[in-house]
Amino acid sequence: MKSAWIKIIVAIMSGLMLLTGCSNKQENSGGATISPASSTEAQANEINACSLLSAADAQSVMGAPMKLSSIKTQLYVCLYEEVTPKPGSLGPARFSLTVVQSKSVDEENKAWAQMKETRHLQGGQKNVQEISGIGEEAYFTGNVEKGKVGVAAVVARKGKSHFALDSQVIEYRASPETMKTLARKIVEQL
């Protein structure tokens, strides 16, 4: 049991480290900062992720009031955190959207392949499920217990864009079905 908690904490910390970094790109007032994989991608990635994800959306997934995080972000990352962390929790629940928009289909093919490799999005992987009806290709990652998830994601691709909706909370309380519904809504806006 202790080993499982350590793995979860390491996964969350790794995700937060991926979401923090330095860049000279325009910033959002909330969310975590990540730098694009390449300068070409940086030039193409002009989308404001917070225009696609609201605090109400985050609340519907996490089941608690959410606010835009005070952590500075790039425009293509939108991070919400719990208004009031639950007593005894390791910190506020977080929910984010990262949208990558490439200049060309070739660049997107490379970026998507890298995303799939990084997140181990292949059939047969533990806690990875392919989802139909969300963009051209989509996956759900995470362990579901009693209809809820803790650390989980919906990762999807459409055209020259791909995105990740990430739940970052230790307790099993986020709704995987609401995450999938929200992903469908985002795909329609890309």
C-alpha atoms as a PDB file:
ATOM      1  CA  MET A   1       0.000   0.000   0.000  1.00  0.00           C
ATOM      2  CA  LYS A   2       2.844   2.386   0.893  1.00  0.00           C
ATOM      3  CA  SER A   3       4.464   1.632  -2.472  1.00  0.00           C
ATOM      4  CA  ALA A   4       1.256   2.574  -4.301  1.00  0.00           C
ATOM      5  CA  TRP A   5       1.103   5.949  -2.528  1.00  0.00           C
ATOM      6  CA  ILE A   6       4.721   6.635  -3.374  1.00  0.00           C
ATOM      7  CA  LYS A   7       4.028   5.869  -7.050  1.00  0.00           C
ATOM      8  CA  ILE A   8       1.017   8.200  -7.042  1.00  0.00           C
ATOM      9  CA  ILE A   9       2.972  11.003  -5.387  1.00  0.00           C
ATOM     10  CA  VAL A  10       5.860  10.548  -7.829  1.00  0.00           C
ATOM     11  CA  ALA A  11       3.400  10.634 -10.747  1.00  0.00           C
ATOM     12  CA  ILE A  12       1.820  13.864  -9.495  1.00  0.00           C
ATOM     13  CA  MET A  13       5.170  15.490  -8.829  1.00  0.00           C
ATOM     14  CA  SER A  14       6.402  14.438 -12.275  1.00  0.00           C
ATOM     15  CA  GLY A  15       3.292  15.912 -13.864  1.00  0.00           C
ATOM     16  CA  LEU A  16       3.714  19.159 -11.965  1.00  0.00           C
ATOM     17  CA  MET A  17       7.375  19.336 -12.964  1.00  0.00           C
ATOM     18  CA  LEU A  18       6.354  18.866 -16.589  1.00  0.00           C
ATOM     19  CA  LEU A  19       3.875  21.677 -16.218  1.00  0.00           C
ATOM     20  CA  THR A  20       6.394  24.105 -14.695  1.00  0.00           C
ATOM     21  CA  GLY A  21       9.208  25.716 -16.588  1.00  0.00           C
ATOM     22  CA  CYS A  22      10.419  28.905 -18.195  1.00  0.00           C
ATOM     23  CA  SER A  23       9.525  30.438 -21.522  1.00  0.00           C
ATOM     24  CA  ASN A  24       9.147  33.830 -23.119  1.00  0.00           C
ATOM     25  CA  LYS A  25       5.651  33.028 -24.430  1.00  0.00           C
ATOM     26  CA  GLN A  26       2.626  35.049 -23.320  1.00  0.00           C
ATOM     27  CA  GLU A  27       1.247  33.830 -19.999  1.00  0.00           C
ATOM     28  CA  ASN A  28      -2.174  33.142 -18.520  1.00  0.00           C
ATOM     29  CA  SER A  29      -2.858  34.411 -15.036  1.00  0.00           C
ATOM     30  CA  GLY A  30      -3.361  30.846 -13.821  1.00  0.00           C
ATOM     31  CA  GLY A  31      -2.139  27.340 -14.472  1.00  0.00           C
ATOM     32  CA  ALA A  32       1.286  25.823 -14.748  1.00  0.00           C
ATOM     33  CA  THR A  33       3.946  26.878 -17.202  1.00  0.00           C
ATOM     34  CA  ILE A  34       5.325  24.427 -19.731  1.00  0.00           C
ATOM     35  CA  SER A  35       7.484  25.154 -22.709  1.00  0.00           C
ATOM     36  CA  PRO A  36       6.660  23.871 -26.185  1.00  0.00           C
ATOM     37  CA  ALA A  37       8.573  20.917 -27.597  1.00  0.00           C
ATOM     38  CA  SER A  38      10.015  22.985 -30.433  1.00  0.00           C
ATOM     39  CA  SER A  39      10.250  26.585 -31.595  1.00  0.00           C
ATOM     40  CA  THR A  40       8.026  25.763 -34.583  1.00  0.00           C
ATOM     41  CA  GLU A  41       5.385  24.468 -32.225  1.00  0.00           C
ATOM     42  CA  ALA A  42       5.741  27.610 -30.095  1.00  0.00           C
ATOM     43  CA  GLN A  43       4.983  29.791 -33.117  1.00  0.00           C
ATOM     44  CA  ALA A  44       1.914  27.750 -34.034  1.00  0.00           C
ATOM     45  CA  ASN A  45       0.499  27.343 -30.522  1.00  0.00           C
ATOM     46  CA  GLU A  46      -1.607  30.494 -30.198  1.00  0.00           C
ATOM     47  CA  ILE A  47      -4.675  28.959 -28.545  1.00  0.00           C
ATOM     48  CA  ASN A  48      -5.877  30.159 -25.149  1.00  0.00           C
ATOM     49  CA  ALA A  49      -6.720  26.968 -23.235  1.00  0.00           C
ATOM     50  CA  CYS A  50      -8.788  28.854 -20.660  1.00  0.00           C
ATOM     51  CA  SER A  51     -11.191  29.818 -23.457  1.00  0.00           C
ATOM     52  CA  LEU A  52     -11.944  26.081 -23.744  1.00  0.00           C
ATOM     53  CA  LEU A  53     -12.080  25.191 -20.020  1.00  0.00           C
ATOM     54  CA  SER A  54     -14.007  27.087 -17.342  1.00  0.00           C
ATOM     55  CA  ALA A  55     -14.005  26.859 -13.557  1.00  0.00           C
ATOM     56  CA  ALA A  56     -17.511  25.373 -13.824  1.00  0.00           C
ATOM     57  CA  ASP A  57     -16.136  22.658 -16.148  1.00  0.00           C
ATOM     58  CA  ALA A  58     -13.372  21.858 -13.653  1.00  0.00           C
ATOM     59  CA  GLN A  59     -15.892  21.813 -10.802  1.00  0.00           C
ATOM     60  CA  SER A  60     -18.147  19.390 -12.678  1.00  0.00           C
ATOM     61  CA  VAL A  61     -15.219  16.953 -12.961  1.00  0.00           C
ATOM     62  CA  MET A  62     -13.723  17.394  -9.500  1.00  0.00           C
ATOM     63  CA  GLY A  63     -16.958  17.728  -7.510  1.00  0.00           C
ATOM     64  CA  ALA A  64     -15.756  20.804  -5.599  1.00  0.00           C
ATOM     65  CA  PRO A  65     -15.596  24.551  -6.248  1.00  0.00           C
ATOM     66  CA  MET A  66     -12.551  25.374  -8.390  1.00  0.00           C
ATOM     67  CA  LYS A  67     -10.657  28.601  -9.143  1.00  0.00           C
ATOM     68  CA  LEU A  68      -8.015  29.583 -11.667  1.00  0.00           C
ATOM     69  CA  SER A  69      -4.637  28.768 -10.141  1.00  0.00           C
ATOM     70  CA  SER A  70      -2.301  31.619  -9.238  1.00  0.00           C
ATOM     71  CA  ILE A  71       0.591  29.731 -10.847  1.00  0.00           C
ATOM     72  CA  LYS A  72       1.576  31.529 -14.071  1.00  0.00           C
ATOM     73  CA  THR A  73       1.015  29.616 -17.307  1.00  0.00           C
ATOM     74  CA  GLN A  74       1.429  29.734 -21.036  1.00  0.00           C
ATOM     75  CA  LEU A  75      -1.742  30.523 -22.977  1.00  0.00           C
ATOM     76  CA  TYR A  76      -2.066  26.890 -24.051  1.00  0.00           C
ATOM     77  CA  VAL A  77      -2.231  25.626 -20.447  1.00  0.00           C
ATOM     78  CA  CYS A  78      -5.173  26.279 -18.153  1.00  0.00           C
ATOM     79  CA  LEU A  79      -4.927  25.119 -14.531  1.00  0.00           C
ATOM     80  CA  TYR A  80      -7.676  25.218 -11.924  1.00  0.00           C
ATOM     81  CA  GLU A  81      -7.324  24.297  -8.273  1.00  0.00           C
ATOM     82  CA  GLU A  82      -9.737  23.587  -5.493  1.00  0.00           C
ATOM     83  CA  VAL A  83     -10.969  26.733  -3.704  1.00  0.00           C
ATOM     84  CA  THR A  84     -10.747  25.018  -0.302  1.00  0.00           C
ATOM     85  CA  PRO A  85      -8.728  21.783  -0.037  1.00  0.00           C
ATOM     86  CA  LYS A  86     -10.491  18.960   1.765  1.00  0.00           C
ATOM     87  CA  PRO A  87      -9.353  18.488   5.379  1.00  0.00           C
ATOM     88  CA  GLY A  88      -6.598  15.883   5.606  1.00  0.00           C
ATOM     89  CA  SER A  89      -5.740  16.086   1.898  1.00  0.00           C
ATOM     90  CA  LEU A  90      -2.189  16.529   0.623  1.00  0.00           C
ATOM     91  CA  GLY A  91      -3.165  19.809  -1.035  1.00  0.00           C
ATOM     92  CA  PRO A  92      -5.765  21.223  -3.367  1.00  0.00           C
ATOM     93  CA  ALA A  93      -7.173  19.102  -6.171  1.00  0.00           C
ATOM     94  CA  ARG A  94      -6.034  20.384  -9.570  1.00  0.00           C
ATOM     95  CA  PHE A  95      -7.511  20.039 -13.039  1.00  0.00           C
ATOM     96  CA  SER A  96      -5.826  21.266 -16.197  1.00  0.00           C
ATOM     97  CA  LEU A  97      -6.107  21.496 -19.962  1.00  0.00           C
ATOM     98  CA  THR A  98      -3.041  21.658 -22.191  1.00  0.00           C
ATOM     99  CA  VAL A  99      -3.670  22.274 -25.902  1.00  0.00           C
ATOM    100  CA  VAL A 100      -0.934  21.919 -28.519  1.00  0.00           C
ATOM    101  CA  GLN A 101      -1.645  23.340 -31.953  1.00  0.00           C
ATOM    102  CA  SER A 102       0.913  22.537 -34.687  1.00  0.00           C
ATOM    103  CA  LYS A 103       1.553  24.463 -37.909  1.00  0.00           C
ATOM    104  CA  SER A 104       1.144  21.425 -40.155  1.00  0.00           C
ATOM    105  CA  VAL A 105      -0.209  17.891 -40.122  1.00  0.00           C
ATOM    106  CA  ASP A 106       3.375  16.561 -40.365  1.00  0.00           C
ATOM    107  CA  GLU A 107       4.411  18.502 -37.253  1.00  0.00           C
ATOM    108  CA  GLU A 108       1.286  17.329 -35.453  1.00  0.00           C
ATOM    109  CA  ASN A 109       2.000  13.716 -36.424  1.00  0.00           C
ATOM    110  CA  LYS A 110       5.427  14.036 -34.759  1.00  0.00           C
ATOM    111  CA  ALA A 111       4.063  15.837 -31.693  1.00  0.00           C
ATOM    112  CA  TRP A 112       1.238  13.281 -31.294  1.00  0.00           C
ATOM    113  CA  ALA A 113       3.674  10.368 -31.639  1.00  0.00           C
ATOM    114  CA  GLN A 114       5.833  11.926 -28.911  1.00  0.00           C
ATOM    115  CA  MET A 115       2.794  12.446 -26.666  1.00  0.00           C
ATOM    116  CA  LYS A 116       1.705   8.834 -27.137  1.00  0.00           C
ATOM    117  CA  GLU A 117       5.184   7.570 -26.311  1.00  0.00           C
ATOM    118  CA  THR A 118       5.590   9.834 -23.267  1.00  0.00           C
ATOM    119  CA  ARG A 119       2.213   8.873 -21.822  1.00  0.00           C
ATOM    120  CA  HIS A 120       2.443   5.192 -22.860  1.00  0.00           C
ATOM    121  CA  LEU A 121      -0.745   5.379 -24.927  1.00  0.00           C
ATOM    122  CA  GLN A 122      -0.643   1.913 -26.475  1.00  0.00           C
ATOM    123  CA  GLY A 123      -3.086  -0.932 -26.306  1.00  0.00           C
ATOM    124  CA  GLY A 124      -2.359  -3.414 -23.562  1.00  0.00           C
ATOM    125  CA  GLN A 125      -0.863  -0.855 -21.179  1.00  0.00           C
ATOM    126  CA  LYS A 126      -2.210  -0.952 -17.625  1.00  0.00           C
ATOM    127  CA  ASN A 127      -4.940   1.649 -16.959  1.00  0.00           C
ATOM    128  CA  VAL A 128      -4.984   2.877 -20.595  1.00  0.00           C
ATOM    129  CA  GLN A 129      -8.202   2.677 -22.585  1.00  0.00           C
ATOM    130  CA  GLU A 130      -8.795   3.838 -26.150  1.00  0.00           C
ATOM    131  CA  ILE A 131     -11.907   6.026 -26.445  1.00  0.00           C
ATOM    132  CA  SER A 132     -14.013   6.291 -29.585  1.00  0.00           C
ATOM    133  CA  GLY A 133     -16.022   9.355 -30.549  1.00  0.00           C
ATOM    134  CA  ILE A 134     -13.521  11.958 -29.315  1.00  0.00           C
ATOM    135  CA  GLY A 135     -11.583  13.492 -32.194  1.00  0.00           C
ATOM    136  CA  GLU A 136      -9.513  11.274 -34.497  1.00  0.00           C
ATOM    137  CA  GLU A 137      -7.832   9.348 -31.664  1.00  0.00           C
ATOM    138  CA  ALA A 138      -8.299   9.518 -27.895  1.00  0.00           C
ATOM    139  CA  TYR A 139      -7.250   7.706 -24.737  1.00  0.00           C
ATOM    140  CA  PHE A 140      -8.245   7.640 -21.092  1.00  0.00           C
ATOM    141  CA  THR A 141      -5.532   6.895 -18.553  1.00  0.00           C
ATOM    142  CA  GLY A 142      -6.119   6.267 -14.882  1.00  0.00           C
ATOM    143  CA  ASN A 143      -7.413   3.776 -12.393  1.00  0.00           C
ATOM    144  CA  VAL A 144     -11.155   3.923 -11.741  1.00  0.00           C
ATOM    145  CA  GLU A 145     -12.442   2.953  -8.295  1.00  0.00           C
ATOM    146  CA  LYS A 146     -16.159   3.125  -7.497  1.00  0.00           C
ATOM    147  CA  GLY A 147     -16.694   5.304 -10.580  1.00  0.00           C
ATOM    148  CA  LYS A 148     -14.067   7.900  -9.615  1.00  0.00           C
ATOM    149  CA  VAL A 149     -10.420   8.625 -10.462  1.00  0.00           C
ATOM    150  CA  GLY A 150      -7.545  10.456  -8.811  1.00  0.00           C
ATOM    151  CA  VAL A 151      -4.594  11.024 -11.123  1.00  0.00           C
ATOM    152  CA  ALA A 152      -6.053  10.550 -14.610  1.00  0.00           C
ATOM    153  CA  ALA A 153      -6.163  12.055 -18.088  1.00  0.00           C
ATOM    154  CA  VAL A 154      -8.080  12.183 -21.334  1.00  0.00           C
ATOM    155  CA  VAL A 155      -5.668  12.750 -24.223  1.00  0.00           C
ATOM    156  CA  ALA A 156      -7.084  13.375 -27.694  1.00  0.00           C
ATOM    157  CA  ARG A 157      -6.127  14.502 -31.185  1.00  0.00           C
ATOM    158  CA  LYS A 158      -8.023  16.382 -33.890  1.00  0.00           C
ATOM    159  CA  GLY A 159      -6.425  17.698 -37.086  1.00  0.00           C
ATOM    160  CA  LYS A 160      -3.365  19.794 -36.304  1.00  0.00           C
ATOM    161  CA  SER A 161      -4.090  19.850 -32.554  1.00  0.00           C
ATOM    162  CA  HIS A 162      -3.997  17.578 -29.544  1.00  0.00           C
ATOM    163  CA  PHE A 163      -4.837  18.156 -25.907  1.00  0.00           C
ATOM    164  CA  ALA A 164      -4.698  16.613 -22.453  1.00  0.00           C
ATOM    165  CA  LEU A 165      -7.248  17.042 -19.681  1.00  0.00           C
ATOM    166  CA  ASP A 166      -5.488  16.080 -16.457  1.00  0.00           C
ATOM    167  CA  SER A 167      -6.966  15.347 -13.026  1.00  0.00           C
ATOM    168  CA  GLN A 168      -4.356  15.774 -10.311  1.00  0.00           C
ATOM    169  CA  VAL A 169      -5.660  14.639  -6.964  1.00  0.00           C
ATOM    170  CA  ILE A 170      -4.670  11.751  -4.677  1.00  0.00           C
ATOM    171  CA  GLU A 171      -8.188  10.845  -3.571  1.00  0.00           C
ATOM    172  CA  TYR A 172     -10.535   9.026  -5.944  1.00  0.00           C
ATOM    173  CA  ARG A 173     -13.078  11.790  -6.518  1.00  0.00           C
ATOM    174  CA  ALA A 174     -12.888  13.032 -10.120  1.00  0.00           C
ATOM    175  CA  SER A 175     -15.497  11.838 -12.601  1.00  0.00           C
ATOM    176  CA  PRO A 176     -13.994   9.981 -15.585  1.00  0.00           C
ATOM    177  CA  GLU A 177     -17.284  10.186 -17.509  1.00  0.00           C
ATOM    178  CA  THR A 178     -17.469  13.959 -17.048  1.00  0.00           C
ATOM    179  CA  MET A 179     -13.841  14.196 -18.223  1.00  0.00           C
ATOM    180  CA  LYS A 180     -14.777  12.326 -21.417  1.00  0.00           C
ATOM    181  CA  THR A 181     -17.857  14.515 -21.981  1.00  0.00           C
ATOM    182  CA  LEU A 182     -15.736  17.624 -21.517  1.00  0.00           C
ATOM    183  CA  ALA A 183     -13.149  16.252 -23.986  1.00  0.00           C
ATOM    184  CA  ARG A 184     -15.903  15.846 -26.599  1.00  0.00           C
ATOM    185  CA  LYS A 185     -16.919  19.481 -26.042  1.00  0.00           C
ATOM    186  CA  ILE A 186     -13.307  20.670 -26.450  1.00  0.00           C
ATOM    187  CA  VAL A 187     -12.835  18.651 -29.666  1.00  0.00           C
ATOM    188  CA  GLU A 188     -15.867  20.429 -31.160  1.00  0.00           C
ATOM    189  CA  GLN A 189     -14.200  23.794 -30.478  1.00  0.00           C
ATOM    190  CA  LEU A 190     -10.845  22.947 -32.080  1.00  0.00           C
END
